[in-house]
Amino acid sequence: MSMIRLLLAEDQSMVREALAALLGLEPDIEVVAQVARGDEVLAAAGEHRIDVALLDIEMPGMTGIEATAELRRALPDVKIVVVTTFGRPGYLRRAMESGADAFLVKDAPASQLAEAVRKVLAGERVIDPTLAAAALADGASPLTERERDVLRTAADGSTNAEIAATLHLSQGTVRNYLSMAIQKMAARNRAEAVRMAREKGWL
């Protein structure tokens, strides 16, 4: 039996170690690398010649979705399983658009995760069925990439001037993007637009 070489990327060390221990019990899976940051995924994947990457979404340095896109470009043969605590339909859509082969929520049993790893290696796609249904019902994000950037930057309470400086835009352009995003989300203000977009996984 050939062993499946797996990389685990998860910023919470207890969760990462528990996942590594559980997956390590599988007879055909070997966790050959563990990282706690999204921007460490690509280097570790290349160094350890992995077959499958298991990526959390919320990580410092780079999100699991960004790491998925980077892995897909640099190492197209590596299979990617995205796992998340947050069952948000927008996350599922963005993960799949970035090149993920599977998308599961973290409370899935370890046996289901292991099975997903085997299935993606066999060329299948694995998606949490409840999330798939919600993603279809929710539809695609109405926000443009720039509107998402502006909302993301506004999330910490930055002023229009600070957002403009961060994104190298004029304050008028920032106002326009914020106004369009608020309108599309049918929100009352920018704080509500940020909250709604986060809940749907669009940011």
Protein backbone atom coordinates (compact mmCIF):
# COMPACT_ATOMS: atom_id res chain seq x y z
CA MET A 1 0.00 0.00 0.00
CA SER A 2 1.47 3.39 -0.97
CA MET A 3 1.21 6.05 1.73
CA ILE A 4 -0.60 9.32 1.07
CA ARG A 5 1.74 12.16 2.02
CA LEU A 6 -0.30 14.92 3.67
CA LEU A 7 0.38 18.52 4.68
CA LEU A 8 -1.71 20.00 7.49
CA ALA A 9 -2.13 23.80 7.68
CA GLU A 10 -4.00 25.04 10.77
CA ASP A 11 -3.10 27.96 13.03
CA GLN A 12 -4.56 26.54 16.28
CA SER A 13 -1.92 24.14 17.55
CA MET A 14 -4.33 21.98 19.60
CA VAL A 15 -6.64 21.48 16.63
CA ARG A 16 -3.68 20.83 14.31
CA GLU A 17 -2.13 18.26 16.64
CA ALA A 18 -5.48 16.52 17.19
CA LEU A 19 -6.10 16.32 13.43
CA ALA A 20 -2.56 15.05 12.81
CA ALA A 21 -2.99 12.37 15.50
CA LEU A 22 -6.37 11.23 14.17
CA LEU A 23 -5.31 11.16 10.51
CA GLY A 24 -2.06 9.45 11.51
CA LEU A 25 -4.12 6.50 12.76
CA GLU A 26 -5.25 5.80 9.19
CA PRO A 27 -3.17 2.97 7.69
CA ASP A 28 -2.57 4.75 4.37
CA ILE A 29 -2.08 8.40 5.47
CA GLU A 30 1.12 9.97 6.75
CA VAL A 31 1.16 13.59 7.97
CA VAL A 32 4.60 14.64 6.65
CA ALA A 33 4.35 18.40 7.32
CA GLN A 34 2.47 20.79 9.61
CA VAL A 35 2.36 24.59 9.33
CA ALA A 36 0.52 27.26 11.31
CA ARG A 37 0.49 30.00 8.65
CA GLY A 38 -1.00 30.24 5.19
CA ASP A 39 2.15 31.81 3.73
CA GLU A 40 4.18 28.74 4.78
CA VAL A 41 2.05 26.26 2.81
CA LEU A 42 3.73 26.43 -0.59
CA ALA A 43 7.32 26.05 0.67
CA ALA A 44 6.37 23.12 2.94
CA ALA A 45 4.37 21.45 0.15
CA GLY A 46 7.34 21.62 -2.22
CA GLU A 47 9.89 20.54 0.36
CA HIS A 48 7.95 17.47 1.55
CA ARG A 49 6.64 16.38 -1.88
CA ILE A 50 3.07 16.04 -0.64
CA ASP A 51 0.09 14.41 -2.34
CA VAL A 52 -2.65 16.26 -0.45
CA ALA A 53 -2.84 19.58 1.43
CA LEU A 54 -5.44 19.97 4.18
CA LEU A 55 -5.94 23.72 4.68
CA ASP A 56 -7.87 25.73 7.25
CA ILE A 57 -9.38 28.98 5.95
CA GLU A 58 -8.62 31.40 8.79
CA MET A 59 -4.83 31.59 9.11
CA PRO A 60 -2.28 34.39 9.60
CA GLY A 61 -0.05 35.40 6.70
CA MET A 62 -2.47 34.17 4.05
CA THR A 63 -5.95 32.62 4.13
CA GLY A 64 -6.49 29.01 3.17
CA ILE A 65 -8.32 30.21 0.06
CA GLU A 66 -5.33 32.35 -1.02
CA ALA A 67 -2.97 29.45 -0.24
CA THR A 68 -5.20 27.18 -2.36
CA ALA A 69 -4.83 29.49 -5.37
CA GLU A 70 -1.05 29.69 -4.87
CA LEU A 71 -0.70 25.90 -4.55
CA ARG A 72 -2.88 25.29 -7.58
CA ARG A 73 -0.65 27.54 -9.72
CA ALA A 74 2.70 26.25 -8.44
CA LEU A 75 1.96 22.55 -7.80
CA PRO A 76 -1.05 21.62 -9.96
CA ASP A 77 -0.83 17.89 -9.12
CA VAL A 78 -1.30 18.42 -5.37
CA LYS A 79 -4.88 17.78 -4.22
CA ILE A 80 -6.37 20.37 -1.88
CA VAL A 81 -8.93 19.79 0.88
CA VAL A 82 -10.20 22.97 2.57
CA VAL A 83 -11.67 22.63 6.05
CA THR A 84 -13.31 25.40 8.03
CA THR A 85 -15.07 26.09 11.30
CA PHE A 86 -17.26 28.56 9.44
CA GLY A 87 -19.80 26.86 7.21
CA ARG A 88 -20.29 29.90 5.00
CA PRO A 89 -21.54 29.37 1.45
CA GLY A 90 -19.37 32.21 0.12
CA TYR A 91 -16.26 30.47 1.45
CA LEU A 92 -17.22 27.30 -0.40
CA ARG A 93 -17.71 29.15 -3.67
CA ARG A 94 -14.41 31.04 -3.34
CA ALA A 95 -12.47 27.92 -2.31
CA MET A 96 -13.74 25.99 -5.33
CA GLU A 97 -13.02 28.93 -7.67
CA SER A 98 -9.46 28.99 -6.27
CA GLY A 99 -8.97 25.32 -7.14
CA ALA A 100 -9.91 23.30 -4.03
CA ASP A 101 -10.83 19.66 -4.61
CA ALA A 102 -12.84 19.29 -1.41
CA PHE A 103 -14.55 21.54 1.14
CA LEU A 104 -15.60 20.25 4.56
CA VAL A 105 -16.54 21.72 7.92
CA LYS A 106 -14.22 20.89 10.83
CA ASP A 107 -16.81 19.09 12.91
CA ALA A 108 -16.89 16.29 10.32
CA PRO A 109 -15.58 13.03 11.85
CA ALA A 110 -11.92 12.15 11.17
CA SER A 111 -13.01 9.10 9.16
CA GLN A 112 -14.93 11.40 6.79
CA LEU A 113 -11.85 13.63 6.40
CA ALA A 114 -9.68 10.60 5.65
CA GLU A 115 -12.23 9.39 3.11
CA ALA A 116 -12.25 12.82 1.47
CA VAL A 117 -8.44 12.66 1.19
CA ARG A 118 -8.69 9.28 -0.59
CA LYS A 119 -11.49 10.46 -2.87
CA VAL A 120 -9.68 13.59 -4.08
CA LEU A 121 -6.63 11.46 -4.88
CA ALA A 122 -8.92 9.27 -6.98
CA GLY A 123 -10.00 12.38 -8.91
CA GLU A 124 -13.31 13.04 -7.15
CA ARG A 125 -14.61 16.28 -5.68
CA VAL A 126 -15.98 16.24 -2.14
CA ILE A 127 -18.26 18.99 -0.85
CA ASP A 128 -20.21 19.19 2.39
CA PRO A 129 -23.78 18.67 1.07
CA THR A 130 -25.45 21.15 3.43
CA LEU A 131 -23.02 23.88 2.39
CA ALA A 132 -23.41 23.03 -1.29
CA ALA A 133 -27.18 23.51 -1.02
CA ALA A 134 -26.74 26.80 0.87
CA ALA A 135 -24.23 28.08 -1.71
CA LEU A 136 -26.66 27.38 -4.54
CA ALA A 137 -29.47 29.10 -2.65
CA ASP A 138 -27.30 32.10 -1.78
CA GLY A 139 -25.94 32.72 -5.26
CA ALA A 140 -22.66 34.37 -6.13
CA SER A 141 -21.31 37.42 -4.32
CA PRO A 142 -22.62 40.65 -5.89
CA LEU A 143 -19.44 42.48 -4.80
CA THR A 144 -16.60 43.24 -7.19
CA GLU A 145 -13.01 42.46 -6.14
CA ARG A 146 -12.39 46.18 -5.44
CA GLU A 147 -15.57 46.53 -3.36
CA ARG A 148 -14.45 43.50 -1.32
CA ASP A 149 -10.98 45.08 -0.83
CA VAL A 150 -12.51 48.33 0.41
CA LEU A 151 -14.98 46.59 2.77
CA ARG A 152 -12.20 44.34 4.11
CA THR A 153 -10.02 47.39 4.81
CA ALA A 154 -12.96 49.24 6.39
CA ALA A 155 -13.63 46.33 8.76
CA ASP A 156 -11.22 47.57 11.45
CA GLY A 157 -12.88 51.00 11.54
CA SER A 158 -10.44 52.73 9.16
CA THR A 159 -11.50 56.15 7.84
CA ASN A 160 -11.97 56.79 4.11
CA ALA A 161 -8.59 58.57 4.08
CA GLU A 162 -6.88 55.56 5.70
CA ILE A 163 -8.55 53.12 3.30
CA ALA A 164 -7.51 55.32 0.36
CA ALA A 165 -3.89 55.37 1.56
CA THR A 166 -3.81 51.59 2.15
CA LEU A 167 -5.30 50.70 -1.24
CA HIS A 168 -3.67 53.57 -3.21
CA LEU A 169 -7.03 55.00 -4.26
CA SER A 170 -8.53 58.46 -4.05
CA GLN A 171 -10.96 59.19 -1.21
CA GLY A 172 -13.73 59.80 -3.76
CA THR A 173 -13.18 56.35 -5.28
CA VAL A 174 -13.27 54.76 -1.82
CA ARG A 175 -16.56 56.56 -1.09
CA ASN A 176 -18.00 55.27 -4.38
CA TYR A 177 -16.95 51.67 -3.72
CA LEU A 178 -18.34 51.77 -0.16
CA SER A 179 -21.58 53.30 -1.35
CA MET A 180 -21.98 50.64 -4.08
CA ALA A 181 -21.21 47.81 -1.63
CA ILE A 182 -23.70 49.15 0.95
CA GLN A 183 -26.34 49.49 -1.78
CA LYS A 184 -25.77 45.97 -3.16
CA MET A 185 -25.96 44.45 0.33
CA ALA A 186 -29.06 46.52 1.17
CA ALA A 187 -27.22 47.51 4.36
CA ARG A 188 -27.76 50.65 6.43
CA ASN A 189 -24.09 51.53 6.77
CA ARG A 190 -20.58 50.25 6.16
CA ALA A 191 -20.40 48.34 9.48
CA GLU A 192 -23.56 46.42 8.61
CA ALA A 193 -22.27 45.76 5.07
CA VAL A 194 -19.01 44.34 6.50
CA ARG A 195 -20.93 42.14 8.96
CA MET A 196 -23.32 40.83 6.30
CA ALA A 197 -20.53 40.14 3.80
CA ARG A 198 -18.52 38.28 6.47
CA GLU A 199 -21.49 36.15 7.47
CA LYS A 200 -21.93 35.04 3.87
CA GLY A 201 -18.21 34.36 3.47
CA TRP A 202 -17.79 37.02 0.77
CA LEU A 203 -14.87 38.81 2.48
